[in-house]
Every structure is written in structure tokens, then in C-alpha cells.
């Protein structure tokens, strides 16, 4: 059963175009047990491609906007604002603001891959063993622990620039300027921080869903390294 889990996780989000087996193995400590080193190398290979696939999907046009599970909507504190604006015929302004928020998240997601790859490169044998023996979301939690602060730092300026580029800030201001004309309680929300948080949550959700799926249903053995790992079952 443990070997089945190992095989499943090393197949995490695989596709063609992985780093070469030798390149990955060269990064492991000398004297490491061959079986353990192969499993760790397979895990790194799988996580690298998984991170690449996830970020490519989310950074494409409509990567967030057309995904019902990830689409960024108005924050909870602004939902009354949205309802009021739609009721007075300003629904198109709200729609433009929502689309612009999602475009910002899609643009920012392009900067996630180098950060994920750096975390994978720095993964130790102990990290790999911990992931293999961990729960259904151990790999995702590893990424969260190692990359959250860097992602926040990288995402915020990109999202801020993206929101300005697609006039999200303008639409946001339009939304709340219009709302504040009919309300005694002004709404002031940090749009950049909100979209940054949602963009990061979307990426980690995407990774966690794929990890869960692969743990339950092992993918095909698409590289020689993974074939070796699976052969240990």
C-alpha cells in the first residue's frame, strides 16, 4: 500500500517534457540509498511538471474567470454593494470589475512557476519522505509552507499593475463611487490585496485537487524514472 502511494504521488500531474532523470539524480546527496533517491527524484520530476501545468492553466485567458471553483467575485463585504448597483442598472460596471479582477489573477499566475521550481530544487530527502508519508495534501502543504510569502511578494505588484492595465481600479472606483452616492456607509476595500489572496488560493486549490486525484488514481508511467519507481511495487 505504501509503495502504491509512493507511485501515485510520483505520478502527480505528469506530462511529457520533464527534466532528465540524470539531472535530477545529480542534485541528490552522495551515498543516498538508490531506491530512496529514485523515489525522491521521481517526486521532484512530478511536482515540477505539475506546478508547470497548473500555472499554465491558470495564467491563460479565462484560467480563473471561466473556472467556477476559482472565479474571483466581489468580496463578502461588498456583496451588498453589488446587489444595490445591479438593482439600479449598474450591473455592467460590476461585471467589468469582476472580469478585471480575474484578469489580474491570471496575469500574476505567470510569476508562480519559478517560485515553485525553486522550492522543488531546495527539497531535501527528508522533505520528500515527509511528503510521501504525509496525508492527501502533503505536497500542496509543502508548497504553501515554502512559497506563500514569496508568492505574496511576487503577486502583489504584478496584480496591482495588471489591475491598472485593465482598468480594474477604475471600475472598482466606479463601483464604489456609484454606491457611495446612495449609501451612508462608504465601502473601502484593498482590491490588490483581495485579488492577491484569491489568486494564491486558486493556485493552491488547483494543486490540491490534482494531488488528491493522483493519490486515489495513479497516472500513467510516462518516463523511465517513474517506471523504475513503479516497478518497486
Protein backbone atom coordinates (compact mmCIF):
# COMPACT_ATOMS: atom_id res chain seq x y z
CA UNK A 1 0.00 0.00 0.00
CA UNK A 2 2.85 2.40 0.89
CA UNK A 3 4.51 1.71 -2.42
CA UNK A 4 1.23 2.31 -4.22
CA UNK A 5 1.00 5.72 -2.53
CA UNK A 6 4.62 6.43 -3.49
CA UNK A 7 3.86 5.52 -7.06
CA UNK A 8 0.71 7.60 -7.07
CA UNK A 9 2.38 10.70 -5.73
CA UNK A 10 5.33 10.48 -8.05
CA UNK A 11 2.85 10.49 -10.90
CA UNK A 12 1.43 13.76 -9.57
CA UNK A 13 0.38 15.96 -12.52
CA UNK A 14 2.67 14.35 -15.09
CA UNK A 15 3.15 15.08 -18.77
CA UNK A 16 5.94 14.97 -21.31
CA UNK A 17 8.85 17.43 -21.19
CA UNK A 18 10.18 16.54 -17.71
CA UNK A 19 13.72 17.32 -16.59
CA UNK A 20 16.09 14.50 -17.40
CA UNK A 21 16.48 11.74 -14.84
CA UNK A 22 20.24 12.22 -14.59
CA UNK A 23 19.92 15.94 -13.96
CA UNK A 24 17.56 15.36 -11.04
CA UNK A 25 19.60 12.48 -9.58
CA UNK A 26 22.74 14.61 -9.72
CA UNK A 27 21.13 17.01 -7.27
CA UNK A 28 20.74 14.34 -4.57
CA UNK A 29 23.30 13.79 -1.78
CA UNK A 30 26.10 11.33 -2.43
CA UNK A 31 25.60 7.99 -0.73
CA UNK A 32 21.83 8.26 -0.69
CA UNK A 33 20.13 4.88 -0.93
CA UNK A 34 19.40 4.25 -4.62
CA UNK A 35 15.74 3.36 -4.09
CA UNK A 36 15.12 6.41 -1.93
CA UNK A 37 16.98 8.67 -4.34
CA UNK A 38 14.94 7.39 -7.29
CA UNK A 39 11.69 7.97 -5.42
CA UNK A 40 12.79 11.49 -4.42
CA UNK A 41 13.90 12.26 -7.96
CA UNK A 42 10.61 10.97 -9.34
CA UNK A 43 8.72 13.13 -6.87
CA UNK A 44 10.68 16.22 -7.86
CA UNK A 45 10.08 15.47 -11.51
CA UNK A 46 6.36 15.04 -10.98
CA UNK A 47 5.97 18.15 -8.82
CA UNK A 48 7.90 20.24 -11.32
CA UNK A 49 5.63 19.29 -14.19
CA UNK A 50 2.56 19.53 -12.01
CA UNK A 51 3.42 23.07 -11.00
CA UNK A 52 4.09 23.94 -14.63
CA UNK A 53 0.77 22.54 -15.83
CA UNK A 54 -1.21 24.24 -13.08
CA UNK A 55 0.34 27.67 -13.58
CA UNK A 56 -0.03 27.45 -17.35
CA UNK A 57 -3.73 26.64 -17.00
CA UNK A 58 -4.42 29.42 -14.52
CA UNK A 59 -2.33 32.06 -16.29
CA UNK A 60 -4.12 31.55 -19.60
CA UNK A 61 -7.03 33.78 -20.62
CA UNK A 62 -10.09 32.74 -18.58
CA UNK A 63 -7.94 30.49 -16.37
CA UNK A 64 -9.74 32.00 -13.39
CA UNK A 65 -12.67 33.74 -14.99
CA UNK A 66 -14.19 30.63 -16.62
CA UNK A 67 -13.48 28.28 -13.71
CA UNK A 68 -16.49 28.25 -11.41
CA UNK A 69 -14.39 26.98 -8.48
CA UNK A 70 -11.73 29.68 -8.86
CA UNK A 71 -13.53 32.69 -10.31
CA UNK A 72 -12.89 35.78 -8.19
CA UNK A 73 -16.10 37.51 -7.20
CA UNK A 74 -16.81 40.58 -5.11
CA UNK A 75 -15.57 40.21 -1.52
CA UNK A 76 -18.24 39.37 1.08
CA UNK A 77 -18.25 42.90 2.48
CA UNK A 78 -19.01 44.25 -0.99
CA UNK A 79 -21.85 41.90 -1.90
CA UNK A 80 -24.48 44.33 -0.68
CA UNK A 81 -22.80 46.94 -2.82
CA UNK A 82 -23.04 44.68 -5.84
CA UNK A 83 -26.70 43.91 -5.20
CA UNK A 84 -27.55 47.58 -4.84
CA UNK A 85 -25.68 48.57 -8.00
CA UNK A 86 -27.33 45.85 -10.06
CA UNK A 87 -30.73 46.92 -8.77
CA UNK A 88 -30.19 50.47 -10.04
CA UNK A 89 -28.99 49.41 -13.51
CA UNK A 90 -25.23 49.42 -12.99
CA UNK A 91 -24.69 45.69 -13.43
CA UNK A 92 -22.35 46.20 -16.38
CA UNK A 93 -19.97 48.22 -14.21
CA UNK A 94 -19.89 45.38 -11.66
CA UNK A 95 -19.32 42.80 -14.41
CA UNK A 96 -16.35 44.75 -15.76
CA UNK A 97 -14.85 44.99 -12.27
CA UNK A 98 -15.19 41.23 -11.73
CA UNK A 99 -13.67 40.38 -15.10
CA UNK A 100 -10.78 42.73 -14.46
CA UNK A 101 -10.03 41.13 -11.08
CA UNK A 102 -9.79 37.73 -12.71
CA UNK A 103 -7.57 39.06 -15.50
CA UNK A 104 -5.22 40.38 -12.83
CA UNK A 105 -5.05 36.97 -11.15
CA UNK A 106 -4.37 35.26 -14.47
CA UNK A 107 -1.53 37.65 -15.24
CA UNK A 108 0.03 37.24 -11.80
CA UNK A 109 -0.06 33.44 -12.01
CA UNK A 110 2.68 33.61 -14.63
CA UNK A 111 5.15 34.52 -11.91
CA UNK A 112 4.37 31.47 -9.74
CA UNK A 113 6.26 28.79 -11.70
CA UNK A 114 9.84 29.99 -10.95
CA UNK A 115 8.93 30.18 -7.26
CA UNK A 116 7.51 26.65 -7.26
CA UNK A 117 10.53 25.32 -9.14
CA UNK A 118 12.87 26.92 -6.61
CA UNK A 119 11.00 25.20 -3.78
CA UNK A 120 11.32 21.87 -5.59
CA UNK A 121 15.03 22.39 -6.19
CA UNK A 122 15.55 23.02 -2.48
CA UNK A 123 13.56 19.92 -1.47
CA UNK A 124 15.61 17.58 0.69
CA UNK A 125 15.39 13.80 1.04
CA UNK A 126 13.62 14.35 4.37
CA UNK A 127 11.14 16.69 2.69
CA UNK A 128 10.42 14.06 0.03
CA UNK A 129 9.94 11.31 2.61
CA UNK A 130 7.65 13.58 4.60
CA UNK A 131 5.52 14.22 1.52
CA UNK A 132 5.39 10.54 0.60
CA UNK A 133 4.35 9.55 4.12
CA UNK A 134 2.08 12.55 4.63
CA UNK A 135 -1.62 12.97 4.12
CA UNK A 136 -3.56 13.53 0.93
CA UNK A 137 -2.41 17.16 0.68
CA UNK A 138 1.18 16.84 1.91
CA UNK A 139 2.70 18.08 -1.35
CA UNK A 140 0.34 21.06 -1.50
CA UNK A 141 1.11 21.90 2.13
CA UNK A 142 4.82 21.73 1.33
CA UNK A 143 4.31 24.31 -1.42
CA UNK A 144 2.24 26.51 0.90
CA UNK A 145 4.89 26.42 3.58
CA UNK A 146 7.79 27.11 1.23
CA UNK A 147 6.25 29.58 -1.21
CA UNK A 148 3.40 31.60 0.36
CA UNK A 149 5.47 34.60 1.42
CA UNK A 150 7.34 34.69 -1.89
CA UNK A 151 4.12 34.36 -3.88
CA UNK A 152 2.56 37.24 -1.96
CA UNK A 153 5.60 39.41 -2.59
CA UNK A 154 5.70 38.49 -6.29
CA UNK A 155 1.95 38.59 -6.91
CA UNK A 156 1.03 41.91 -5.34
CA UNK A 157 2.97 44.26 -7.65
CA UNK A 158 2.03 42.19 -10.71
CA UNK A 159 -1.64 42.21 -9.76
CA UNK A 160 -1.53 45.91 -8.93
CA UNK A 161 -0.03 46.64 -12.35
CA UNK A 162 -2.43 44.27 -14.06
CA UNK A 163 -5.44 45.83 -12.37
CA UNK A 164 -4.33 49.25 -13.55
CA UNK A 165 -3.63 47.96 -17.06
CA UNK A 166 -7.10 46.51 -17.45
CA UNK A 167 -8.64 49.44 -15.56
CA UNK A 168 -9.88 47.27 -12.71
CA UNK A 169 -9.05 50.02 -10.26
CA UNK A 170 -11.08 52.43 -12.37
CA UNK A 171 -14.03 50.03 -12.43
CA UNK A 172 -13.64 49.43 -8.72
CA UNK A 173 -13.69 53.15 -8.07
CA UNK A 174 -16.69 53.49 -10.36
CA UNK A 175 -18.49 50.76 -8.44
CA UNK A 176 -17.94 52.29 -5.03
CA UNK A 177 -18.32 55.90 -6.16
CA UNK A 178 -21.72 54.99 -7.54
CA UNK A 179 -22.63 53.00 -4.43
CA UNK A 180 -21.48 55.69 -2.01
CA UNK A 181 -23.88 58.13 -3.68
CA UNK A 182 -26.81 56.04 -2.47
CA UNK A 183 -25.37 54.76 0.81
CA UNK A 184 -24.47 56.40 4.09
CA UNK A 185 -21.83 53.73 4.78
CA UNK A 186 -18.83 54.06 2.41
CA UNK A 187 -17.01 50.88 1.44
CA UNK A 188 -13.21 50.90 1.31
CA UNK A 189 -11.55 47.63 0.27
CA UNK A 190 -7.92 46.96 -0.71
CA UNK A 191 -8.59 45.48 -4.12
CA UNK A 192 -4.98 44.45 -4.80
CA UNK A 193 -4.67 42.55 -1.50
CA UNK A 194 -8.00 40.84 -2.06
CA UNK A 195 -7.16 39.66 -5.58
CA UNK A 196 -3.67 38.57 -4.49
CA UNK A 197 -5.13 36.41 -1.75
CA UNK A 198 -7.70 34.88 -4.11
CA UNK A 199 -5.10 34.22 -6.82
CA UNK A 200 -2.89 32.33 -4.38
CA UNK A 201 -5.84 30.38 -3.02
CA UNK A 202 -6.76 29.41 -6.58
CA UNK A 203 -3.31 28.04 -7.38
CA UNK A 204 -3.13 26.01 -4.18
CA UNK A 205 -6.65 24.68 -4.73
CA UNK A 206 -5.67 23.57 -8.23
CA UNK A 207 -2.61 21.77 -6.86
CA UNK A 208 -4.56 20.14 -4.03
CA UNK A 209 -7.27 18.80 -6.33
CA UNK A 210 -4.71 17.27 -8.65
CA UNK A 211 -2.74 15.78 -5.77
CA UNK A 212 -5.90 14.23 -4.30
CA UNK A 213 -6.90 12.81 -7.68
CA UNK A 214 -3.49 11.25 -8.35
CA UNK A 215 -3.25 9.75 -4.87
CA UNK A 216 -6.56 7.98 -5.50
CA UNK A 217 -6.00 7.13 -9.17
CA UNK A 218 -2.33 6.64 -10.24
CA UNK A 219 -1.43 8.18 -13.60
CA UNK A 220 0.46 6.51 -16.43
CA UNK A 221 4.20 5.80 -16.16
CA UNK A 222 5.38 8.30 -18.72
CA UNK A 223 9.12 8.41 -18.02
CA UNK A 224 11.83 5.82 -17.39
CA UNK A 225 12.38 7.20 -13.89
CA UNK A 226 8.76 6.75 -12.97
CA UNK A 227 8.72 3.26 -14.45
CA UNK A 228 11.58 2.39 -12.09
CA UNK A 229 9.72 3.84 -9.14
CA UNK A 230 6.53 1.96 -10.01
CA UNK A 231 8.44 -1.26 -10.55
CA UNK A 232 9.17 -1.33 -6.82
CA UNK A 233 5.53 -2.16 -6.04
